[in-house]
Amino acid sequence: MTRQSLDDLRHVIRRIETRRPPRAAPRPVEEVLGGELVDTGEGQLVVVRREFPLSYRHGRQPLAAALEAPLDLLGVLARTETPLEDARRLLFLDAETTGLAGGTGTYPFLVGAGWLEEDRLILIQHFMRDFDDEPALLAALRPLIERASGVVTFNGTAFDLPLLETRFILARRRWPVALAHLDLLRPARRMWTSCFADCRLATLEREVIGVEREDDVAGGLIPALYFEFLRSRRAAPLARVLAHNRDDILTLVGLLGWFGGALAAPAELSATDLAGLGRLWEPVDLERSLECYHAALGAGLADEPAQAVRMRLAWWEKRRARWDSARSLWEAAARHMVFDPRPWEELAKFHEHRRRDFATARAIVDDALGLAEGAGVSSRVREAFAYRRARLDRRLLARG
């Protein structure tokens, strides 16, 4: 191709490009996200406000139930360092961040805050359009935190609150050290750790509150969506992030109400939930815990959860030297369809050391060894039973 031909081709390309319509500028972020641009006195910030009547149900849980939650009991169960007060002065808090590792390089770019006011839940989401908006974000959060009697989070002890405190300190702002904090992850783990595959908020939302999110964005993808927004300035994909954050806040309110209802009316719970309530009460009120455990078994608790409850009850009966009750529980646990060496070991020790009935103890060990071999348990368990049988043989021989 000649030089003249190349020049003609470049000329045609320039003419085509100049005729191409310019790309439309992205719509304003506040317009896309359904909020407004607010001047906090320390810069502008996108604020999205929603209101929900307390009659609104998030899944099966009415928001109004949070008002009836016994905060003093929940505070003790969750081991809050500062007493919790009026539910209307609680701040439900959840942050979406630029990373999941925490540290000084992680920014909370979206912070949702909700509180109960008169006959509704106010839910406000604060969104940073860029890192320069952080002073405005902190300025908007400060009065909300200062007027709250306490903060309710899920895993906030390990992530949300330390991160926010770090951002406040780096900005040379005061963080309220004595702020009461109810982290619902702690009681949730004691309540449901043996019931579900995990105790993530999304799992509890589905299994306990009864909400199945549609088109939800995975938490691990949220930082990437924010960085893509910073690059393109197109906010439409962030609408799913705000919906995710909003549902997290609603679930916090719903869980608080659920715990309150469970503590106030345990008789209405399922056998599985009664067992969880027993674990919840155990470090705080042992008698109430044992009542819940017995109620769970009476309500038909079965399989592995029932086995765990029987062994836990037997452990406490043993500590209180209530040997007949402990023996009955061990005998019931020994009949479990899946071989469990623990009740067999306890029964052998009971008859050997408490009853001095070496023959019965040896028979129990023989039965346990036979079941252990058929169940394919570890050699370590079989060796322990074999050692006990040999000792019992020596004691029987010595007795003559």
Protein backbone atom coordinates (compact mmCIF):
# COMPACT_ATOMS: atom_id res chain seq x y z
CA MET A 1 0.00 0.00 0.00
CA THR A 2 1.38 3.43 -0.99
CA ARG A 3 1.96 6.27 1.42
CA GLN A 4 -0.91 8.19 -0.24
CA SER A 5 -3.26 5.26 0.34
CA LEU A 6 -2.28 5.10 4.02
CA ASP A 7 -2.93 8.80 4.47
CA ASP A 8 -6.33 8.42 2.81
CA LEU A 9 -7.20 5.51 5.13
CA ARG A 10 -6.23 7.49 8.26
CA HIS A 11 -8.34 10.40 7.01
CA VAL A 12 -11.39 8.16 6.62
CA ILE A 13 -10.88 6.67 10.13
CA ARG A 14 -10.66 10.17 11.68
CA ARG A 15 -13.87 11.18 9.95
CA ILE A 16 -15.69 8.09 11.28
CA GLU A 17 -14.42 8.69 14.83
CA THR A 18 -15.45 12.34 14.83
CA ARG A 19 -18.96 11.33 13.81
CA ARG A 20 -19.26 8.77 16.69
CA PRO A 21 -21.59 10.18 19.36
CA PRO A 22 -19.82 10.85 22.69
CA ARG A 23 -20.40 8.27 25.44
CA ALA A 24 -23.07 9.39 27.89
CA ALA A 25 -21.76 10.44 31.27
CA PRO A 26 -22.69 8.06 34.12
CA ARG A 27 -25.81 9.01 36.03
CA PRO A 28 -25.15 10.55 39.47
CA VAL A 29 -24.50 7.91 42.11
CA GLU A 30 -27.16 9.22 44.47
CA GLU A 31 -29.75 9.03 41.71
CA VAL A 32 -28.87 5.44 40.80
CA LEU A 33 -28.87 4.27 44.42
CA GLY A 34 -32.07 6.07 45.36
CA GLY A 35 -30.49 8.43 47.87
CA GLU A 36 -29.34 11.99 48.12
CA LEU A 37 -26.09 13.88 48.41
CA VAL A 38 -25.80 15.26 51.94
CA ASP A 39 -23.35 17.86 53.20
CA THR A 40 -22.15 16.74 56.64
CA GLY A 41 -20.08 19.84 57.30
CA GLU A 42 -16.93 17.88 56.55
CA GLY A 43 -17.73 16.99 52.97
CA GLN A 44 -20.52 15.42 50.96
CA LEU A 45 -21.78 11.88 51.30
CA VAL A 46 -24.42 9.77 49.57
CA VAL A 47 -27.15 8.88 52.09
CA VAL A 48 -29.93 6.38 51.37
CA ARG A 49 -32.81 6.39 53.86
CA ARG A 50 -35.52 3.75 54.23
CA GLU A 51 -38.28 3.39 56.80
CA PHE A 52 -40.07 0.17 57.76
CA PRO A 53 -43.18 0.00 59.98
CA LEU A 54 -42.66 -2.19 63.04
CA SER A 55 -45.46 -4.40 61.72
CA TYR A 56 -43.19 -5.27 58.78
CA ARG A 57 -42.11 -8.92 58.75
CA HIS A 58 -38.62 -9.85 57.69
CA GLY A 59 -39.33 -13.45 56.82
CA ARG A 60 -41.30 -14.86 59.77
CA GLN A 61 -40.06 -12.26 62.22
CA PRO A 62 -41.91 -8.99 62.90
CA LEU A 63 -39.59 -6.06 63.57
CA ALA A 64 -41.65 -5.07 66.61
CA ALA A 65 -40.48 -8.19 68.47
CA ALA A 66 -37.09 -6.51 69.02
CA LEU A 67 -38.79 -4.11 71.43
CA GLU A 68 -39.72 -6.99 73.72
CA ALA A 69 -36.25 -8.51 73.86
CA PRO A 70 -34.94 -8.86 77.46
CA LEU A 71 -31.76 -6.88 76.94
CA ASP A 72 -30.43 -7.53 80.44
CA LEU A 73 -30.53 -11.29 79.89
CA LEU A 74 -29.17 -11.05 76.36
CA GLY A 75 -26.37 -8.85 77.62
CA VAL A 76 -25.40 -11.46 80.21
CA LEU A 77 -25.65 -14.32 77.71
CA ALA A 78 -23.55 -12.44 75.17
CA ARG A 79 -21.16 -11.30 77.93
CA THR A 80 -21.38 -7.60 77.13
CA GLU A 81 -19.08 -5.53 79.29
CA THR A 82 -21.57 -2.65 79.60
CA PRO A 83 -25.28 -3.19 80.45
CA LEU A 84 -27.75 -2.84 77.59
CA GLU A 85 -30.64 -0.43 77.98
CA ASP A 86 -33.74 0.67 76.04
CA ALA A 87 -34.10 -1.17 72.71
CA ARG A 88 -35.09 2.12 71.06
CA ARG A 89 -31.63 3.46 71.78
CA LEU A 90 -29.81 0.53 70.21
CA LEU A 91 -27.96 1.08 66.93
CA PHE A 92 -27.95 -1.86 64.51
CA LEU A 93 -24.72 -1.56 62.54
CA ASP A 94 -23.23 -3.33 59.53
CA ALA A 95 -20.35 -2.25 57.27
CA GLU A 96 -19.25 -3.24 53.77
CA THR A 97 -15.53 -2.76 53.26
CA THR A 98 -12.75 -2.65 50.69
CA GLY A 99 -11.30 -5.90 52.05
CA LEU A 100 -12.01 -8.73 54.47
CA ALA A 101 -8.66 -8.83 56.26
CA GLY A 102 -9.08 -5.60 58.24
CA GLY A 103 -6.16 -3.37 59.18
CA THR A 104 -5.37 0.26 58.46
CA GLY A 105 -5.56 -0.24 54.69
CA THR A 106 -9.19 -1.38 54.80
CA TYR A 107 -11.93 1.22 54.43
CA PRO A 108 -15.64 0.89 55.24
CA PHE A 109 -17.15 2.37 52.09
CA LEU A 110 -20.77 1.59 53.05
CA VAL A 111 -22.09 1.66 56.61
CA GLY A 112 -25.70 0.78 57.32
CA ALA A 113 -27.22 1.97 60.59
CA GLY A 114 -30.71 1.25 61.87
CA TRP A 115 -32.68 2.16 64.98
CA LEU A 116 -36.22 1.87 66.30
CA GLU A 117 -38.08 5.15 66.45
CA GLU A 118 -41.72 5.43 67.49
CA ASP A 119 -43.61 2.99 65.24
CA ARG A 120 -40.93 2.33 62.63
CA LEU A 121 -37.38 1.24 61.92
CA ILE A 122 -35.17 3.93 60.43
CA LEU A 123 -32.44 2.50 58.22
CA ILE A 124 -29.79 4.83 56.81
CA GLN A 125 -26.94 3.75 54.54
CA HIS A 126 -23.88 5.96 54.21
CA PHE A 127 -21.92 5.50 50.98
CA MET A 128 -18.46 6.86 50.11
CA ARG A 129 -18.14 7.87 46.45
CA ASP A 130 -14.38 7.86 46.90
CA PHE A 131 -11.84 7.65 49.71
CA ASP A 132 -11.95 11.43 50.01
CA ASP A 133 -15.48 11.05 51.43
CA GLU A 134 -14.25 9.32 54.61
CA PRO A 135 -14.30 12.50 56.77
CA ALA A 136 -17.94 13.01 55.75
CA LEU A 137 -18.75 9.37 56.55
CA LEU A 138 -17.23 9.58 60.02
CA ALA A 139 -18.96 12.92 60.65
CA ALA A 140 -22.31 11.35 59.77
CA LEU A 141 -21.75 8.30 61.99
CA ARG A 142 -20.50 10.17 65.05
CA PRO A 143 -23.86 11.56 66.29
CA LEU A 144 -25.58 8.21 65.69
CA ILE A 145 -23.01 6.37 67.80
CA GLU A 146 -22.89 9.01 70.53
CA ARG A 147 -26.64 9.01 71.13
CA ALA A 148 -26.91 5.18 71.14
CA SER A 149 -27.00 3.23 74.41
CA GLY A 150 -25.43 0.27 72.62
CA VAL A 151 -24.55 -1.25 69.26
CA VAL A 152 -25.89 -4.51 67.84
CA THR A 153 -23.74 -6.32 65.24
CA PHE A 154 -23.02 -9.78 63.88
CA ASN A 155 -19.31 -10.60 64.23
CA GLY A 156 -18.75 -6.94 65.00
CA THR A 157 -16.37 -7.81 67.83
CA ALA A 158 -13.84 -9.24 65.38
CA PHE A 159 -14.43 -7.00 62.38
CA ASP A 160 -16.89 -4.10 62.12
CA LEU A 161 -16.23 -2.26 65.38
CA PRO A 162 -12.42 -2.60 65.42
CA LEU A 163 -12.36 -1.36 61.82
CA LEU A 164 -14.58 1.64 62.55
CA GLU A 165 -12.60 2.42 65.70
CA THR A 166 -9.39 2.32 63.65
CA ARG A 167 -10.81 4.73 61.08
CA PHE A 168 -11.95 7.11 63.85
CA ILE A 169 -8.55 7.03 65.54
CA LEU A 170 -6.64 7.56 62.27
CA ALA A 171 -8.86 10.57 61.61
CA ARG A 172 -8.09 11.81 65.15
CA ARG A 173 -11.66 11.43 66.33
CA ARG A 174 -12.85 10.07 69.65
CA TRP A 175 -14.35 6.59 69.73
CA PRO A 176 -16.72 5.89 72.68
CA VAL A 177 -14.79 3.25 74.63
CA ALA A 178 -17.63 2.44 77.06
CA LEU A 179 -20.19 1.80 74.32
CA ALA A 180 -22.21 -1.35 75.05
CA HIS A 181 -21.90 -3.92 72.29
CA LEU A 182 -24.17 -6.90 71.67
CA ASP A 183 -22.52 -9.20 69.12
CA LEU A 184 -25.19 -11.71 68.12
CA LEU A 185 -22.63 -14.11 66.68
CA ARG A 186 -21.65 -15.32 70.16
CA PRO A 187 -25.12 -16.45 71.30
CA ALA A 188 -25.87 -17.68 67.75
CA ARG A 189 -22.90 -20.05 67.85
CA ARG A 190 -23.94 -21.51 71.19
CA MET A 191 -27.51 -21.79 69.97
CA TRP A 192 -27.08 -23.35 66.52
CA THR A 193 -23.51 -24.56 66.05
CA SER A 194 -24.62 -28.22 66.06
CA CYS A 195 -27.73 -27.59 63.95
CA PHE A 196 -26.47 -25.96 60.78
CA ALA A 197 -23.42 -26.34 58.57
CA ASP A 198 -22.23 -22.89 59.70
CA CYS A 199 -23.41 -19.86 61.67
CA ARG A 200 -23.06 -17.25 58.94
CA LEU A 201 -25.67 -14.51 59.03
CA ALA A 202 -27.10 -15.64 55.68
CA THR A 203 -27.56 -19.17 57.06
CA LEU A 204 -29.38 -17.97 60.18
CA GLU A 205 -31.46 -15.62 58.07
CA ARG A 206 -32.63 -18.55 55.95
CA GLU A 207 -33.04 -21.20 58.65
CA VAL A 208 -34.20 -19.13 61.62
CA ILE A 209 -35.79 -15.96 60.24
CA GLY A 210 -37.15 -17.61 57.10
CA VAL A 211 -35.72 -15.28 54.43
CA GLU A 212 -34.31 -16.61 51.18
CA ARG A 213 -32.47 -13.80 49.44
CA GLU A 214 -32.91 -13.44 45.70
CA ASP A 215 -30.09 -12.17 43.49
CA ASP A 216 -27.91 -11.58 46.55
CA VAL A 217 -24.27 -10.66 46.06
CA ALA A 218 -21.68 -12.80 47.85
CA GLY A 219 -19.78 -10.92 50.55
CA GLY A 220 -16.44 -11.87 49.02
CA LEU A 221 -17.33 -10.07 45.77
CA ILE A 222 -18.34 -6.78 47.37
CA PRO A 223 -14.84 -5.20 47.53
CA ALA A 224 -14.30 -5.93 43.82
CA LEU A 225 -17.63 -4.29 42.92
CA TYR A 226 -16.62 -1.15 44.78
CA PHE A 227 -13.22 -0.95 43.09
CA GLU A 228 -14.92 -1.41 39.71
CA PHE A 229 -17.18 1.52 40.59
CA LEU A 230 -14.15 3.66 41.44
CA ARG A 231 -12.73 2.84 38.03
CA SER A 232 -15.87 3.22 35.89
CA ARG A 233 -18.05 5.50 38.08
CA ARG A 234 -21.04 3.36 37.10
CA ALA A 235 -23.10 2.71 40.22
CA ALA A 236 -25.80 0.33 38.96
CA PRO A 237 -24.01 -2.87 40.17
CA LEU A 238 -23.74 -1.35 43.64
CA ALA A 239 -27.52 -1.46 44.06
CA ARG A 240 -27.15 -5.16 44.94
CA VAL A 241 -24.50 -4.27 47.54
CA LEU A 242 -26.85 -1.81 49.22
CA ALA A 243 -29.64 -4.40 49.17
CA HIS A 244 -27.24 -6.92 50.79
CA ASN A 245 -26.34 -4.44 53.51
CA ARG A 246 -29.99 -3.49 54.07
CA ASP A 247 -31.00 -7.15 54.48
CA ASP A 248 -28.16 -7.64 56.99
CA ILE A 249 -29.55 -4.84 59.14
CA LEU A 250 -33.10 -6.21 58.95
CA THR A 251 -31.81 -9.65 59.93
CA LEU A 252 -30.02 -8.17 62.96
CA VAL A 253 -33.32 -6.69 64.14
CA GLY A 254 -35.10 -9.98 63.42
CA LEU A 255 -32.54 -12.06 65.31
CA LEU A 256 -32.73 -9.80 68.34
CA GLY A 257 -36.50 -10.26 68.34
CA TRP A 258 -36.14 -14.03 67.90
CA PHE A 259 -33.77 -14.35 70.87
CA GLY A 260 -36.10 -12.23 72.96
CA GLY A 261 -39.09 -14.42 72.10
CA ALA A 262 -37.13 -17.63 72.72
CA LEU A 263 -36.00 -16.49 76.16
CA ALA A 264 -39.48 -15.26 77.10
CA ALA A 265 -41.45 -18.29 75.85
CA PRO A 266 -39.21 -21.38 75.57
CA ALA A 267 -42.20 -23.74 75.69
CA GLU A 268 -43.08 -22.73 72.13
CA LEU A 269 -39.69 -23.78 70.71
CA SER A 270 -38.84 -26.93 68.79
CA ALA A 271 -36.79 -29.70 70.39
CA THR A 272 -33.69 -28.57 68.48
CA ASP A 273 -34.08 -24.96 69.59
CA LEU A 274 -34.64 -26.06 73.20
CA ALA A 275 -31.32 -27.90 73.08
CA GLY A 276 -29.66 -24.77 71.73
CA LEU A 277 -31.28 -22.69 74.45
CA GLY A 278 -29.82 -25.09 76.99
CA ARG A 279 -26.34 -24.45 75.61
CA LEU A 280 -27.06 -20.73 75.67
CA TRP A 281 -28.05 -20.74 79.33
CA GLU A 282 -25.40 -23.19 80.54
CA PRO A 283 -22.61 -20.72 81.44
CA VAL A 284 -25.09 -18.29 82.99
CA ASP A 285 -27.93 -20.18 84.71
CA LEU A 286 -27.29 -23.91 85.08
CA GLU A 287 -30.72 -24.84 86.42
CA ARG A 288 -32.48 -23.16 83.53
CA SER A 289 -30.05 -24.82 81.14
CA LEU A 290 -30.79 -28.30 82.51
CA GLU A 291 -34.53 -27.62 82.28
CA CYS A 292 -34.11 -26.79 78.60
CA TYR A 293 -32.04 -29.93 77.99
CA HIS A 294 -34.67 -32.16 79.64
CA ALA A 295 -37.45 -30.36 77.74
CA ALA A 296 -35.60 -30.97 74.47
CA LEU A 297 -35.40 -34.72 75.13
CA GLY A 298 -39.06 -34.73 76.19
CA ALA A 299 -40.00 -32.95 72.97
CA GLY A 300 -38.53 -35.76 70.89
CA LEU A 301 -34.97 -34.66 70.21
CA ALA A 302 -33.26 -37.47 68.30
CA ASP A 303 -30.05 -38.69 66.70
CA GLU A 304 -26.75 -36.89 67.32
CA PRO A 305 -28.27 -33.76 68.95
CA ALA A 306 -30.04 -35.99 71.50
CA GLN A 307 -26.81 -37.91 72.15
CA ALA A 308 -24.95 -34.65 72.81
CA VAL A 309 -27.66 -33.49 75.23
CA ARG A 310 -27.69 -36.80 77.14
CA MET A 311 -23.92 -36.72 77.56
CA ARG A 312 -24.03 -33.10 78.69
CA LEU A 313 -26.76 -33.81 81.23
CA ALA A 314 -24.89 -36.86 82.47
CA TRP A 315 -21.73 -34.80 82.90
CA TRP A 316 -23.55 -32.34 85.18
CA GLU A 317 -25.27 -35.15 87.11
CA LYS A 318 -21.86 -36.75 87.66
CA ARG A 319 -20.42 -33.48 88.94
CA ARG A 320 -23.29 -33.23 91.43
CA ALA A 321 -22.79 -36.86 92.50
CA ARG A 322 -26.31 -37.76 91.34
CA TRP A 323 -25.12 -41.18 90.30
CA ASP A 324 -28.46 -42.87 89.55
CA SER A 325 -29.50 -40.08 87.19
CA ALA A 326 -26.09 -40.08 85.54
CA ARG A 327 -26.19 -43.86 85.09
CA SER A 328 -29.64 -43.72 83.47
CA LEU A 329 -28.43 -41.12 81.00
CA TRP A 330 -25.29 -43.12 80.16
CA GLU A 331 -27.37 -46.25 79.63
CA ALA A 332 -29.68 -44.35 77.27
CA ALA A 333 -26.69 -42.92 75.44
CA ALA A 334 -25.11 -46.39 75.14
CA ARG A 335 -28.17 -47.52 73.18
CA HIS A 336 -27.47 -44.91 70.50
CA MET A 337 -27.58 -46.46 67.03
CA VAL A 338 -24.06 -45.23 66.26
CA PHE A 339 -21.43 -46.56 68.64
CA ASP A 340 -20.20 -43.88 71.03
CA PRO A 341 -17.42 -45.02 73.41
CA ARG A 342 -18.05 -42.25 75.95
CA PRO A 343 -21.13 -43.65 77.75
CA TRP A 344 -19.62 -47.17 77.79
CA GLU A 345 -16.48 -45.83 79.41
CA GLU A 346 -18.48 -43.88 81.98
CA LEU A 347 -20.62 -46.93 82.83
CA ALA A 348 -17.52 -49.10 83.25
CA LYS A 349 -15.94 -46.52 85.58
CA PHE A 350 -19.20 -46.17 87.53
CA HIS A 351 -19.50 -49.90 88.23
CA GLU A 352 -15.78 -50.33 88.90
CA HIS A 353 -15.16 -47.35 91.17
CA ARG A 354 -18.56 -46.44 92.64
CA ARG A 355 -20.28 -49.84 92.91
CA ARG A 356 -17.10 -51.94 93.18
CA ASP A 357 -18.90 -54.38 90.88
CA PHE A 358 -15.95 -55.58 88.81
CA ALA A 359 -17.89 -58.32 87.04
CA THR A 360 -20.52 -55.91 85.70
CA ALA A 361 -17.82 -53.44 84.72
CA ARG A 362 -15.96 -56.17 82.83
CA ALA A 363 -19.14 -57.25 81.01
CA ILE A 364 -19.71 -53.66 79.93
CA VAL A 365 -16.14 -53.42 78.62
CA ASP A 366 -16.58 -56.71 76.72
CA ASP A 367 -19.74 -55.40 75.06
CA ALA A 368 -18.02 -52.11 74.23
CA LEU A 369 -15.05 -53.89 72.65
CA GLY A 370 -17.36 -56.00 70.50
CA LEU A 371 -19.24 -52.92 69.29
CA ALA A 372 -16.02 -51.00 68.77
CA GLU A 373 -14.60 -53.68 66.49
CA GLY A 374 -17.80 -53.78 64.45
CA ALA A 375 -18.03 -50.00 64.22
CA GLY A 376 -14.48 -49.64 62.97
CA VAL A 377 -13.42 -47.12 65.61
CA SER A 378 -9.80 -46.13 66.08
CA SER A 379 -7.28 -48.54 67.54
CA ARG A 380 -6.66 -46.06 70.33
CA VAL A 381 -10.23 -46.50 71.63
CA ARG A 382 -10.00 -50.29 71.44
CA GLU A 383 -6.65 -50.28 73.23
CA ALA A 384 -8.11 -48.17 76.05
CA PHE A 385 -10.97 -50.65 76.55
CA ALA A 386 -8.56 -53.59 76.35
CA TYR A 387 -6.34 -52.01 79.01
CA ARG A 388 -9.39 -51.48 81.26
CA ARG A 389 -10.47 -55.12 80.75
CA ALA A 390 -7.01 -56.38 81.70
CA ARG A 391 -7.08 -54.33 84.89
CA LEU A 392 -10.55 -55.63 85.75
CA ASP A 393 -9.34 -59.20 85.18
CA ARG A 394 -6.54 -58.64 87.69
CA ARG A 395 -8.97 -57.18 90.25
CA LEU A 396 -11.39 -60.09 89.79
CA LEU A 397 -8.53 -62.55 90.17
CA ALA A 398 -7.30 -60.80 93.31
CA ARG A 399 -10.79 -60.88 94.79
CA GLY A 400 -10.93 -64.61 94.14
